[in-house]
Amino acid sequence: MKTSEIRVLSIGELQTRLSDARNEMMNLRFQVVTGQLTDTSRLRITRRNIARMETVLTERLREETREGEA
């Protein structure tokens, strides 16, 4: 998922997708341990998507707190 696609999402939808991505990451880790995962690049892609979503979510939450202070 590209950053531009993530920025379009609302905060609630972003939190939902972040939760789904974290569950996917956990499942991928289990598959690696059990030897079922053949495409290990999915781990890297999922990890980076999680980081992108967390970054955008943090930015949005900071904007909300700044608007509340002003």
N, C-alpha and C. Protein backbone atom coordinates (compact mmCIF):
# COMPACT_ATOMS: atom_id res chain seq x y z
N MET A 1 0.84 -1.17 0.00
CA MET A 1 0.00 0.00 0.00
C MET A 1 0.89 1.24 0.00
N LYS A 2 0.60 2.16 -0.88
CA LYS A 2 1.40 3.36 -0.99
C LYS A 2 0.99 4.37 0.07
N THR A 3 1.89 5.28 0.38
CA THR A 3 1.62 6.29 1.38
C THR A 3 0.46 7.18 0.96
N SER A 4 0.38 7.50 -0.33
CA SER A 4 -0.72 8.34 -0.81
C SER A 4 -2.06 7.66 -0.59
N GLU A 5 -2.11 6.34 -0.72
CA GLU A 5 -3.35 5.61 -0.46
C GLU A 5 -3.69 5.61 1.02
N ILE A 6 -2.68 5.56 1.86
CA ILE A 6 -2.89 5.53 3.30
C ILE A 6 -3.39 6.89 3.80
N ARG A 7 -2.87 7.97 3.24
CA ARG A 7 -3.26 9.32 3.67
C ARG A 7 -4.73 9.63 3.39
N VAL A 8 -5.33 8.94 2.45
CA VAL A 8 -6.73 9.17 2.10
C VAL A 8 -7.68 8.56 3.15
N LEU A 9 -7.21 7.57 3.88
CA LEU A 9 -8.05 6.85 4.84
C LEU A 9 -8.38 7.70 6.06
N SER A 10 -9.54 7.45 6.66
CA SER A 10 -9.90 8.12 7.91
C SER A 10 -9.13 7.46 9.06
N ILE A 11 -9.17 8.11 10.21
CA ILE A 11 -8.44 7.58 11.37
C ILE A 11 -8.97 6.20 11.77
N GLY A 12 -10.28 6.05 11.80
CA GLY A 12 -10.87 4.77 12.19
C GLY A 12 -10.51 3.66 11.22
N GLU A 13 -10.60 3.97 9.93
CA GLU A 13 -10.26 2.98 8.91
C GLU A 13 -8.78 2.64 8.96
N LEU A 14 -7.97 3.65 9.23
CA LEU A 14 -6.53 3.44 9.34
C LEU A 14 -6.20 2.52 10.51
N GLN A 15 -6.87 2.71 11.63
CA GLN A 15 -6.64 1.85 12.79
C GLN A 15 -7.07 0.42 12.50
N THR A 16 -8.16 0.26 11.77
CA THR A 16 -8.64 -1.08 11.41
C THR A 16 -7.63 -1.78 10.50
N ARG A 17 -7.16 -1.07 9.50
CA ARG A 17 -6.20 -1.67 8.57
C ARG A 17 -4.88 -1.97 9.27
N LEU A 18 -4.49 -1.12 10.21
CA LEU A 18 -3.27 -1.36 10.97
C LEU A 18 -3.40 -2.62 11.81
N SER A 19 -4.54 -2.80 12.42
CA SER A 19 -4.79 -4.01 13.20
C SER A 19 -4.74 -5.25 12.31
N ASP A 20 -5.35 -5.16 11.14
CA ASP A 20 -5.33 -6.28 10.18
C ASP A 20 -3.90 -6.60 9.74
N ALA A 21 -3.12 -5.56 9.49
CA ALA A 21 -1.74 -5.77 9.05
C ALA A 21 -0.90 -6.42 10.15
N ARG A 22 -1.15 -6.02 11.39
CA ARG A 22 -0.43 -6.64 12.50
C ARG A 22 -0.78 -8.12 12.64
N ASN A 23 -2.06 -8.44 12.45
CA ASN A 23 -2.47 -9.85 12.48
C ASN A 23 -1.83 -10.63 11.34
N GLU A 24 -1.76 -10.01 10.16
CA GLU A 24 -1.12 -10.66 9.02
C GLU A 24 0.36 -10.90 9.31
N MET A 25 1.02 -9.93 9.95
CA MET A 25 2.43 -10.09 10.29
C MET A 25 2.63 -11.25 11.25
N MET A 26 1.75 -11.37 12.22
CA MET A 26 1.84 -12.47 13.18
C MET A 26 1.68 -13.81 12.46
N ASN A 27 0.70 -13.89 11.56
CA ASN A 27 0.49 -15.12 10.81
C ASN A 27 1.69 -15.45 9.92
N LEU A 28 2.28 -14.44 9.32
CA LEU A 28 3.46 -14.67 8.49
C LEU A 28 4.63 -15.20 9.32
N ARG A 29 4.79 -14.66 10.53
CA ARG A 29 5.86 -15.15 11.40
C ARG A 29 5.65 -16.61 11.76
N PHE A 30 4.41 -16.98 12.04
CA PHE A 30 4.11 -18.39 12.33
C PHE A 30 4.42 -19.26 11.12
N GLN A 31 4.10 -18.79 9.94
CA GLN A 31 4.36 -19.56 8.73
C GLN A 31 5.85 -19.74 8.48
N VAL A 32 6.65 -18.73 8.82
CA VAL A 32 8.10 -18.85 8.67
C VAL A 32 8.64 -19.91 9.61
N VAL A 33 8.17 -19.88 10.86
CA VAL A 33 8.66 -20.82 11.86
C VAL A 33 8.30 -22.26 11.49
N THR A 34 7.10 -22.44 10.95
CA THR A 34 6.67 -23.79 10.60
C THR A 34 7.14 -24.22 9.21
N GLY A 35 7.78 -23.31 8.49
CA GLY A 35 8.32 -23.65 7.17
C GLY A 35 7.30 -23.61 6.05
N GLN A 36 6.16 -23.01 6.27
CA GLN A 36 5.11 -22.95 5.26
C GLN A 36 5.25 -21.76 4.32
N LEU A 37 5.95 -20.72 4.73
CA LEU A 37 6.06 -19.50 3.93
C LEU A 37 7.20 -19.63 2.93
N THR A 38 6.88 -19.53 1.65
CA THR A 38 7.91 -19.62 0.62
C THR A 38 8.33 -18.24 0.14
N ASP A 39 7.41 -17.26 0.17
CA ASP A 39 7.71 -15.91 -0.28
C ASP A 39 8.01 -15.04 0.94
N THR A 40 9.27 -15.03 1.38
CA THR A 40 9.64 -14.31 2.59
C THR A 40 9.64 -12.80 2.40
N SER A 41 9.54 -12.32 1.18
CA SER A 41 9.51 -10.88 0.95
C SER A 41 8.21 -10.27 1.50
N ARG A 42 7.20 -11.09 1.70
CA ARG A 42 5.94 -10.59 2.27
C ARG A 42 6.15 -10.06 3.68
N LEU A 43 7.10 -10.63 4.42
CA LEU A 43 7.40 -10.13 5.76
C LEU A 43 7.87 -8.68 5.69
N ARG A 44 8.79 -8.41 4.81
CA ARG A 44 9.36 -7.07 4.66
C ARG A 44 8.29 -6.07 4.20
N ILE A 45 7.49 -6.48 3.23
CA ILE A 45 6.45 -5.60 2.71
C ILE A 45 5.43 -5.28 3.80
N THR A 46 5.01 -6.28 4.54
CA THR A 46 4.02 -6.08 5.59
C THR A 46 4.59 -5.20 6.70
N ARG A 47 5.83 -5.44 7.07
CA ARG A 47 6.47 -4.64 8.12
C ARG A 47 6.54 -3.16 7.71
N ARG A 48 6.88 -2.91 6.47
CA ARG A 48 6.96 -1.53 5.99
C ARG A 48 5.59 -0.88 5.89
N ASN A 49 4.58 -1.65 5.50
CA ASN A 49 3.22 -1.11 5.45
C ASN A 49 2.75 -0.72 6.85
N ILE A 50 3.07 -1.54 7.83
CA ILE A 50 2.72 -1.23 9.22
C ILE A 50 3.39 0.07 9.64
N ALA A 51 4.65 0.23 9.31
CA ALA A 51 5.38 1.44 9.67
C ALA A 51 4.78 2.67 9.00
N ARG A 52 4.39 2.54 7.74
CA ARG A 52 3.76 3.66 7.03
C ARG A 52 2.45 4.05 7.70
N MET A 53 1.64 3.05 8.03
CA MET A 53 0.35 3.34 8.65
C MET A 53 0.53 3.98 10.02
N GLU A 54 1.48 3.48 10.80
CA GLU A 54 1.73 4.06 12.12
C GLU A 54 2.21 5.50 12.01
N THR A 55 3.03 5.79 11.01
CA THR A 55 3.53 7.14 10.82
C THR A 55 2.39 8.10 10.48
N VAL A 56 1.54 7.73 9.54
CA VAL A 56 0.43 8.58 9.15
C VAL A 56 -0.54 8.76 10.31
N LEU A 57 -0.81 7.69 11.05
CA LEU A 57 -1.71 7.76 12.20
C LEU A 57 -1.16 8.71 13.27
N THR A 58 0.12 8.63 13.53
CA THR A 58 0.75 9.52 14.51
C THR A 58 0.66 10.97 14.06
N GLU A 59 0.90 11.21 12.77
CA GLU A 59 0.79 12.57 12.24
C GLU A 59 -0.62 13.12 12.44
N ARG A 60 -1.62 12.30 12.13
CA ARG A 60 -3.00 12.74 12.26
C ARG A 60 -3.36 13.03 13.71
N LEU A 61 -2.92 12.17 14.62
CA LEU A 61 -3.24 12.37 16.03
C LEU A 61 -2.56 13.62 16.57
N ARG A 62 -1.35 13.90 16.11
CA ARG A 62 -0.66 15.14 16.53
C ARG A 62 -1.38 16.36 16.00
N GLU A 63 -1.87 16.29 14.77
CA GLU A 63 -2.63 17.41 14.21
C GLU A 63 -3.87 17.69 15.04
N GLU A 64 -4.55 16.64 15.46
CA GLU A 64 -5.76 16.81 16.27
C GLU A 64 -5.45 17.47 17.61
N THR A 65 -4.35 17.08 18.24
CA THR A 65 -4.01 17.67 19.52
C THR A 65 -3.59 19.12 19.35
N ARG A 66 -2.92 19.44 18.26
CA ARG A 66 -2.52 20.84 18.01
C ARG A 66 -3.76 21.71 17.78
N GLU A 67 -4.73 21.17 17.03
CA GLU A 67 -5.96 21.93 16.78
C GLU A 67 -6.74 22.14 18.05
N GLY A 68 -6.69 21.17 18.94
CA GLY A 68 -7.39 21.28 20.22
C GLY A 68 -6.77 22.32 21.14
N GLU A 69 -5.46 22.52 21.02
CA GLU A 69 -4.76 23.49 21.87
C GLU A 69 -4.98 24.91 21.37
N ALA A 70 -5.15 25.09 20.08
CA ALA A 70 -5.26 26.43 19.51
C ALA A 70 -6.61 27.05 19.73
